[in-house]
All heavy atoms as atom14 arrays in JSON, in Angstrom:
{
  "sequence": "EYAKNNKALILFDAAYEAFVQDERLPRSIYEIEGA",
  "atom14_mask": [
    [1, 1, 1, 1, 1, 1, 1, 1, 1, 0, 0, 0, 0, 0],
    [1, 1, 1, 1, 1, 1, 1, 1, 1, 1, 1, 1, 0, 0],
    [1, 1, 1, 1, 1, 0, 0, 0, 0, 0, 0, 0, 0, 0],
    [1, 1, 1, 1, 1, 1, 1, 1, 1, 0, 0, 0, 0, 0],
    [1, 1, 1, 1, 1, 1, 1, 1, 0, 0, 0, 0, 0, 0],
    [1, 1, 1, 1, 1, 1, 1, 1, 0, 0, 0, 0, 0, 0],
    [1, 1, 1, 1, 1, 1, 1, 1, 1, 0, 0, 0, 0, 0],
    [1, 1, 1, 1, 1, 0, 0, 0, 0, 0, 0, 0, 0, 0],
    [1, 1, 1, 1, 1, 1, 1, 1, 0, 0, 0, 0, 0, 0],
    [1, 1, 1, 1, 1, 1, 1, 1, 0, 0, 0, 0, 0, 0],
    [1, 1, 1, 1, 1, 1, 1, 1, 0, 0, 0, 0, 0, 0],
    [1, 1, 1, 1, 1, 1, 1, 1, 1, 1, 1, 0, 0, 0],
    [1, 1, 1, 1, 1, 1, 1, 1, 0, 0, 0, 0, 0, 0],
    [1, 1, 1, 1, 1, 0, 0, 0, 0, 0, 0, 0, 0, 0],
    [1, 1, 1, 1, 1, 0, 0, 0, 0, 0, 0, 0, 0, 0],
    [1, 1, 1, 1, 1, 1, 1, 1, 1, 1, 1, 1, 0, 0],
    [1, 1, 1, 1, 1, 1, 1, 1, 1, 0, 0, 0, 0, 0],
    [1, 1, 1, 1, 1, 0, 0, 0, 0, 0, 0, 0, 0, 0],
    [1, 1, 1, 1, 1, 1, 1, 1, 1, 1, 1, 0, 0, 0],
    [1, 1, 1, 1, 1, 1, 1, 0, 0, 0, 0, 0, 0, 0],
    [1, 1, 1, 1, 1, 1, 1, 1, 1, 0, 0, 0, 0, 0],
    [1, 1, 1, 1, 1, 1, 1, 1, 0, 0, 0, 0, 0, 0],
    [1, 1, 1, 1, 1, 1, 1, 1, 1, 0, 0, 0, 0, 0],
    [1, 1, 1, 1, 1, 1, 1, 1, 1, 1, 1, 0, 0, 0],
    [1, 1, 1, 1, 1, 1, 1, 1, 0, 0, 0, 0, 0, 0],
    [1, 1, 1, 1, 1, 1, 1, 0, 0, 0, 0, 0, 0, 0],
    [1, 1, 1, 1, 1, 1, 1, 1, 1, 1, 1, 0, 0, 0],
    [1, 1, 1, 1, 1, 1, 0, 0, 0, 0, 0, 0, 0, 0],
    [1, 1, 1, 1, 1, 1, 1, 1, 0, 0, 0, 0, 0, 0],
    [1, 1, 1, 1, 1, 1, 1, 1, 1, 1, 1, 1, 0, 0],
    [1, 1, 1, 1, 1, 1, 1, 1, 1, 0, 0, 0, 0, 0],
    [1, 1, 1, 1, 1, 1, 1, 1, 0, 0, 0, 0, 0, 0],
    [1, 1, 1, 1, 1, 1, 1, 1, 1, 0, 0, 0, 0, 0],
    [1, 1, 1, 1, 0, 0, 0, 0, 0, 0, 0, 0, 0, 0],
    [1, 1, 1, 1, 1, 0, 0, 0, 0, 0, 0, 0, 0, 0]
  ],
  "atom14_positions": [
    [[-1.69, 8.49, -5.27], [-1.79, 9.77, -5.99], [-3.16, 10.41, -5.78], [-3.27, 11.63, -5.6], [-1.51, 9.55, -7.48], [-0.05, 9.21, -7.77], [0.2, 8.89, -9.24], [-0.8, 8.74, -9.99], [1.38, 8.79, -9.63], [0.0, 0.0, 0.0], [0.0, 0.0, 0.0], [0.0, 0.0, 0.0], [0.0, 0.0, 0.0], [0.0, 0.0, 0.0]],
    [[-4.21, 9.6, -5.8], [-5.56, 10.12, -5.54], [-5.61, 10.75, -4.15], [-6.15, 11.85, -3.97], [-6.6, 9.01, -5.66], [-8.0, 9.47, -5.31], [-8.86, 9.94, -6.29], [-8.45, 9.48, -3.98], [-10.13, 10.4, -5.97], [-9.71, 9.94, -3.65], [-10.55, 10.4, -4.65], [-11.8, 10.87, -4.33], [0.0, 0.0, 0.0], [0.0, 0.0, 0.0]],
    [[-5.09, 10.04, -3.16], [-5.13, 10.55, -1.78], [-4.37, 11.87, -1.67], [-4.82, 12.8, -0.99], [-4.55, 9.51, -0.82], [0.0, 0.0, 0.0], [0.0, 0.0, 0.0], [0.0, 0.0, 0.0], [0.0, 0.0, 0.0], [0.0, 0.0, 0.0], [0.0, 0.0, 0.0], [0.0, 0.0, 0.0], [0.0, 0.0, 0.0], [0.0, 0.0, 0.0]],
    [[-3.22, 11.95, -2.32], [-2.45, 13.2, -2.29], [-3.23, 14.34, -2.93], [-3.29, 15.46, -2.39], [-1.12, 13.01, -3.01], [-0.09, 12.22, -2.22], [1.23, 12.21, -2.98], [2.33, 11.56, -2.17], [3.64, 11.62, -2.87], [0.0, 0.0, 0.0], [0.0, 0.0, 0.0], [0.0, 0.0, 0.0], [0.0, 0.0, 0.0], [0.0, 0.0, 0.0]],
    [[-3.81, 14.07, -4.06], [-4.52, 15.13, -4.81], [-5.78, 15.6, -4.1], [-6.23, 16.73, -4.31], [-4.87, 14.63, -6.21], [-3.65, 14.43, -7.08], [-2.6, 15.03, -6.86], [-3.76, 13.56, -8.08], [0.0, 0.0, 0.0], [0.0, 0.0, 0.0], [0.0, 0.0, 0.0], [0.0, 0.0, 0.0], [0.0, 0.0, 0.0], [0.0, 0.0, 0.0]],
    [[-6.36, 14.74, -3.26], [-7.63, 15.08, -2.6], [-7.49, 15.29, -1.09], [-8.49, 15.41, -0.4], [-8.65, 13.97, -2.87], [-9.12, 13.94, -4.3], [-10.07, 14.63, -4.67], [-8.47, 13.13, -5.13], [0.0, 0.0, 0.0], [0.0, 0.0, 0.0], [0.0, 0.0, 0.0], [0.0, 0.0, 0.0], [0.0, 0.0, 0.0], [0.0, 0.0, 0.0]],
    [[-6.24, 15.34, -0.6], [-5.98, 15.46, 0.83], [-6.78, 14.41, 1.61], [-7.38, 14.68, 2.65], [-6.33, 16.87, 1.33], [-5.38, 17.95, 0.82], [-5.68, 19.29, 1.46], [-4.65, 20.34, 1.02], [-4.93, 21.67, 1.62], [0.0, 0.0, 0.0], [0.0, 0.0, 0.0], [0.0, 0.0, 0.0], [0.0, 0.0, 0.0], [0.0, 0.0, 0.0]],
    [[-6.79, 13.21, 1.06], [-7.5, 12.09, 1.66], [-6.52, 11.2, 2.42], [-5.3, 11.37, 2.32], [-8.22, 11.29, 0.59], [0.0, 0.0, 0.0], [0.0, 0.0, 0.0], [0.0, 0.0, 0.0], [0.0, 0.0, 0.0], [0.0, 0.0, 0.0], [0.0, 0.0, 0.0], [0.0, 0.0, 0.0], [0.0, 0.0, 0.0], [0.0, 0.0, 0.0]],
    [[-7.06, 10.26, 3.18], [-6.24, 9.31, 3.91], [-6.67, 7.89, 3.56], [-7.86, 7.6, 3.48], [-6.38, 9.51, 5.43], [-5.54, 8.55, 6.29], [-4.07, 8.94, 6.24], [-6.03, 8.53, 7.74], [0.0, 0.0, 0.0], [0.0, 0.0, 0.0], [0.0, 0.0, 0.0], [0.0, 0.0, 0.0], [0.0, 0.0, 0.0], [0.0, 0.0, 0.0]],
    [[-5.69, 7.01, 3.36], [-5.95, 5.6, 3.1], [-5.72, 4.8, 4.38], [-4.68, 4.95, 5.03], [-5.02, 5.06, 2.0], [-5.26, 5.79, 0.67], [-5.2, 3.55, 1.82], [-4.19, 5.52, -0.37], [0.0, 0.0, 0.0], [0.0, 0.0, 0.0], [0.0, 0.0, 0.0], [0.0, 0.0, 0.0], [0.0, 0.0, 0.0], [0.0, 0.0, 0.0]],
    [[-6.69, 3.99, 4.77], [-6.51, 3.02, 5.84], [-6.28, 1.68, 5.15], [-7.2, 1.1, 4.58], [-7.74, 2.97, 6.75], [-8.05, 4.27, 7.51], [-9.23, 4.06, 8.47], [-6.84, 4.78, 8.28], [0.0, 0.0, 0.0], [0.0, 0.0, 0.0], [0.0, 0.0, 0.0], [0.0, 0.0, 0.0], [0.0, 0.0, 0.0], [0.0, 0.0, 0.0]],
    [[-5.05, 1.21, 5.2], [-4.62, 0.05, 4.42], [-4.47, -1.17, 5.32], [-3.59, -1.23, 6.17], [-3.29, 0.35, 3.72], [-2.88, -0.68, 2.71], [-3.48, -0.72, 1.46], [-1.9, -1.62, 3.0], [-3.11, -1.67, 0.52], [-1.52, -2.57, 2.07], [-2.12, -2.6, 0.83], [0.0, 0.0, 0.0], [0.0, 0.0, 0.0], [0.0, 0.0, 0.0]],
    [[-5.36, -2.14, 5.13], [-5.36, -3.37, 5.91], [-4.46, -4.4, 5.22], [-4.81, -4.92, 4.16], [-6.79, -3.88, 6.03], [-6.92, -5.07, 6.97], [-5.89, -5.71, 7.28], [-8.06, -5.37, 7.39], [0.0, 0.0, 0.0], [0.0, 0.0, 0.0], [0.0, 0.0, 0.0], [0.0, 0.0, 0.0], [0.0, 0.0, 0.0], [0.0, 0.0, 0.0]],
    [[-3.31, -4.67, 5.83], [-2.34, -5.61, 5.27], [-2.2, -6.84, 6.16], [-1.12, -7.42, 6.28], [-1.0, -4.93, 5.07], [0.0, 0.0, 0.0], [0.0, 0.0, 0.0], [0.0, 0.0, 0.0], [0.0, 0.0, 0.0], [0.0, 0.0, 0.0], [0.0, 0.0, 0.0], [0.0, 0.0, 0.0], [0.0, 0.0, 0.0], [0.0, 0.0, 0.0]],
    [[-3.3, -7.27, 6.77], [-3.24, -8.39, 7.72], [-2.76, -9.68, 7.08], [-2.25, -10.57, 7.77], [-4.63, -8.6, 8.33], [0.0, 0.0, 0.0], [0.0, 0.0, 0.0], [0.0, 0.0, 0.0], [0.0, 0.0, 0.0], [0.0, 0.0, 0.0], [0.0, 0.0, 0.0], [0.0, 0.0, 0.0], [0.0, 0.0, 0.0], [0.0, 0.0, 0.0]],
    [[-2.89, -9.8, 5.75], [-2.53, -11.05, 5.07], [-1.27, -10.91, 4.2], [-1.03, -11.73, 3.33], [-3.72, -11.52, 4.22], [-4.93, -11.79, 5.06], [-5.89, -10.8, 5.28], [-5.11, -13.01, 5.7], [-6.98, -11.02, 6.09], [-6.21, -13.25, 6.51], [-7.14, -12.25, 6.7], [-8.23, -12.48, 7.52], [0.0, 0.0, 0.0], [0.0, 0.0, 0.0]],
    [[-0.47, -9.89, 4.47], [0.7, -9.62, 3.62], [1.69, -10.78, 3.61], [2.39, -10.98, 2.61], [1.4, -8.33, 4.06], [1.83, -8.27, 5.52], [3.11, -9.01, 5.81], [3.95, -9.12, 4.88], [3.27, -9.49, 6.95], [0.0, 0.0, 0.0], [0.0, 0.0, 0.0], [0.0, 0.0, 0.0], [0.0, 0.0, 0.0], [0.0, 0.0, 0.0]],
    [[1.78, -11.56, 4.67], [2.75, -12.65, 4.74], [2.48, -13.72, 3.69], [3.39, -14.5, 3.36], [2.74, -13.28, 6.13], [0.0, 0.0, 0.0], [0.0, 0.0, 0.0], [0.0, 0.0, 0.0], [0.0, 0.0, 0.0], [0.0, 0.0, 0.0], [0.0, 0.0, 0.0], [0.0, 0.0, 0.0], [0.0, 0.0, 0.0], [0.0, 0.0, 0.0]],
    [[1.27, -13.75, 3.15], [0.92, -14.77, 2.16], [1.32, -14.37, 0.74], [1.19, -15.18, -0.18], [-0.58, -15.08, 2.24], [-0.95, -15.74, 3.54], [-1.26, -14.98, 4.66], [-0.95, -17.12, 3.65], [-1.58, -15.59, 5.87], [-1.27, -17.73, 4.85], [-1.58, -16.97, 5.97], [0.0, 0.0, 0.0], [0.0, 0.0, 0.0], [0.0, 0.0, 0.0]],
    [[1.79, -13.16, 0.57], [2.27, -12.72, -0.74], [3.62, -13.37, -1.02], [4.6, -13.1, -0.34], [2.38, -11.18, -0.82], [3.01, -10.77, -2.15], [1.01, -10.54, -0.65], [0.0, 0.0, 0.0], [0.0, 0.0, 0.0], [0.0, 0.0, 0.0], [0.0, 0.0, 0.0], [0.0, 0.0, 0.0], [0.0, 0.0, 0.0], [0.0, 0.0, 0.0]],
    [[3.65, -14.25, -2.01], [4.87, -14.95, -2.38], [5.49, -14.4, -3.65], [6.67, -14.61, -3.92], [4.57, -16.44, -2.57], [3.93, -17.1, -1.36], [4.81, -17.08, -0.13], [5.88, -17.69, -0.12], [4.39, -16.37, 0.92], [0.0, 0.0, 0.0], [0.0, 0.0, 0.0], [0.0, 0.0, 0.0], [0.0, 0.0, 0.0], [0.0, 0.0, 0.0]],
    [[4.7, -13.7, -4.45], [5.18, -13.1, -5.7], [5.91, -11.8, -5.36], [5.3, -10.83, -4.91], [3.99, -12.83, -6.61], [4.39, -12.35, -8.01], [5.54, -11.88, -8.16], [3.55, -12.44, -8.92], [0.0, 0.0, 0.0], [0.0, 0.0, 0.0], [0.0, 0.0, 0.0], [0.0, 0.0, 0.0], [0.0, 0.0, 0.0], [0.0, 0.0, 0.0]],
    [[7.21, -11.78, -5.56], [8.02, -10.62, -5.19], [7.69, -9.38, -6.01], [8.11, -8.27, -5.67], [9.51, -10.96, -5.32], [10.05, -11.78, -4.17], [9.92, -11.08, -2.82], [10.13, -9.84, -2.77], [9.6, -11.75, -1.83], [0.0, 0.0, 0.0], [0.0, 0.0, 0.0], [0.0, 0.0, 0.0], [0.0, 0.0, 0.0], [0.0, 0.0, 0.0]],
    [[6.95, -9.54, -7.09], [6.54, -8.37, -7.88], [5.4, -7.61, -7.2], [5.13, -6.45, -7.55], [6.1, -8.81, -9.28], [7.22, -9.42, -10.12], [6.66, -10.04, -11.39], [5.74, -11.14, -11.08], [5.08, -11.84, -12.0], [5.23, -11.54, -13.29], [4.26, -12.81, -11.64], [0.0, 0.0, 0.0], [0.0, 0.0, 0.0], [0.0, 0.0, 0.0]],
    [[4.72, -8.27, -6.24], [3.6, -7.64, -5.56], [4.05, -6.97, -4.28], [4.91, -7.49, -3.57], [2.54, -8.7, -5.23], [1.85, -9.39, -6.42], [0.96, -10.51, -5.92], [1.04, -8.39, -7.23], [0.0, 0.0, 0.0], [0.0, 0.0, 0.0], [0.0, 0.0, 0.0], [0.0, 0.0, 0.0], [0.0, 0.0, 0.0], [0.0, 0.0, 0.0]],
    [[3.48, -5.81, -3.94], [3.85, -5.14, -2.69], [3.26, -5.84, -1.49], [2.15, -6.38, -1.55], [3.24, -3.74, -2.87], [2.06, -3.96, -3.78], [2.47, -5.06, -4.72], [0.0, 0.0, 0.0], [0.0, 0.0, 0.0], [0.0, 0.0, 0.0], [0.0, 0.0, 0.0], [0.0, 0.0, 0.0], [0.0, 0.0, 0.0], [0.0, 0.0, 0.0]],
    [[4.0, -5.85, -0.39], [3.48, -6.39, 0.87], [3.11, -5.26, 1.82], [2.53, -5.5, 2.88], [4.51, -7.31, 1.5], [4.7, -8.57, 0.67], [5.79, -9.48, 1.17], [5.49, -10.05, 2.48], [6.18, -11.05, 3.02], [7.2, -11.59, 2.35], [5.87, -11.52, 4.21], [0.0, 0.0, 0.0], [0.0, 0.0, 0.0], [0.0, 0.0, 0.0]],
    [[3.47, -4.04, 1.46], [3.13, -2.87, 2.25], [2.82, -1.72, 1.31], [3.44, -1.6, 0.24], [4.29, -2.47, 3.16], [4.08, -1.19, 3.72], [0.0, 0.0, 0.0], [0.0, 0.0, 0.0], [0.0, 0.0, 0.0], [0.0, 0.0, 0.0], [0.0, 0.0, 0.0], [0.0, 0.0, 0.0], [0.0, 0.0, 0.0], [0.0, 0.0, 0.0]],
    [[1.9, -0.86, 1.7], [1.62, 0.32, 0.87], [2.79, 1.28, 0.89], [2.96, 2.1, -0.02], [0.32, 1.02, 1.32], [-0.18, 1.96, 0.2], [0.52, 1.76, 2.66], [-1.58, 2.47, 0.4], [0.0, 0.0, 0.0], [0.0, 0.0, 0.0], [0.0, 0.0, 0.0], [0.0, 0.0, 0.0], [0.0, 0.0, 0.0], [0.0, 0.0, 0.0]],
    [[3.69, 1.14, 1.9], [4.83, 2.04, 1.98], [5.92, 1.69, 0.97], [6.93, 2.4, 0.88], [5.38, 2.06, 3.41], [4.33, 2.48, 4.41], [3.97, 1.65, 5.47], [3.67, 3.7, 4.28], [2.99, 2.03, 6.37], [2.68, 4.09, 5.18], [2.35, 3.24, 6.22], [1.37, 3.61, 7.11], [0.0, 0.0, 0.0], [0.0, 0.0, 0.0]],
    [[5.71, 0.64, 0.2], [6.59, 0.37, -0.92], [6.3, 1.32, -2.08], [7.05, 1.36, -3.05], [6.45, -1.09, -1.37], [6.95, -2.09, -0.34], [6.77, -3.54, -0.77], [7.05, -3.82, -1.96], [6.37, -4.37, 0.05], [0.0, 0.0, 0.0], [0.0, 0.0, 0.0], [0.0, 0.0, 0.0], [0.0, 0.0, 0.0], [0.0, 0.0, 0.0]],
    [[5.21, 2.07, -1.96], [4.85, 3.08, -2.97], [5.37, 4.43, -2.51], [5.12, 4.87, -1.38], [3.31, 3.15, -3.14], [2.71, 1.75, -3.33], [2.97, 4.08, -4.29], [3.3, 0.96, -4.47], [0.0, 0.0, 0.0], [0.0, 0.0, 0.0], [0.0, 0.0, 0.0], [0.0, 0.0, 0.0], [0.0, 0.0, 0.0], [0.0, 0.0, 0.0]],
    [[6.1, 5.1, -3.36], [6.7, 6.39, -3.02], [5.63, 7.38, -2.57], [4.61, 7.55, -3.23], [7.46, 6.95, -4.21], [8.19, 8.25, -3.93], [8.98, 8.77, -5.11], [8.98, 8.1, -6.17], [9.59, 9.86, -4.98], [0.0, 0.0, 0.0], [0.0, 0.0, 0.0], [0.0, 0.0, 0.0], [0.0, 0.0, 0.0], [0.0, 0.0, 0.0]],
    [[5.86, 8.02, -1.45], [4.96, 9.04, -0.93], [3.81, 8.52, -0.1], [3.04, 9.31, 0.46], [0.0, 0.0, 0.0], [0.0, 0.0, 0.0], [0.0, 0.0, 0.0], [0.0, 0.0, 0.0], [0.0, 0.0, 0.0], [0.0, 0.0, 0.0], [0.0, 0.0, 0.0], [0.0, 0.0, 0.0], [0.0, 0.0, 0.0], [0.0, 0.0, 0.0]],
    [[3.67, 7.2, 0.02], [2.53, 6.65, 0.75], [2.57, 7.02, 2.23], [1.52, 7.11, 2.88], [2.48, 5.13, 0.6], [0.0, 0.0, 0.0], [0.0, 0.0, 0.0], [0.0, 0.0, 0.0], [0.0, 0.0, 0.0], [0.0, 0.0, 0.0], [0.0, 0.0, 0.0], [0.0, 0.0, 0.0], [0.0, 0.0, 0.0], [0.0, 0.0, 0.0]]
  ]
}
């Protein structure tokens, strides 16, 4: 939401996403609507 409001860009490093075992946690920023 901050990036949208400020016309900013997020560089999201998800190199360790495979280690996320808790399904409540996102493994990609694209799990967030509008990302």
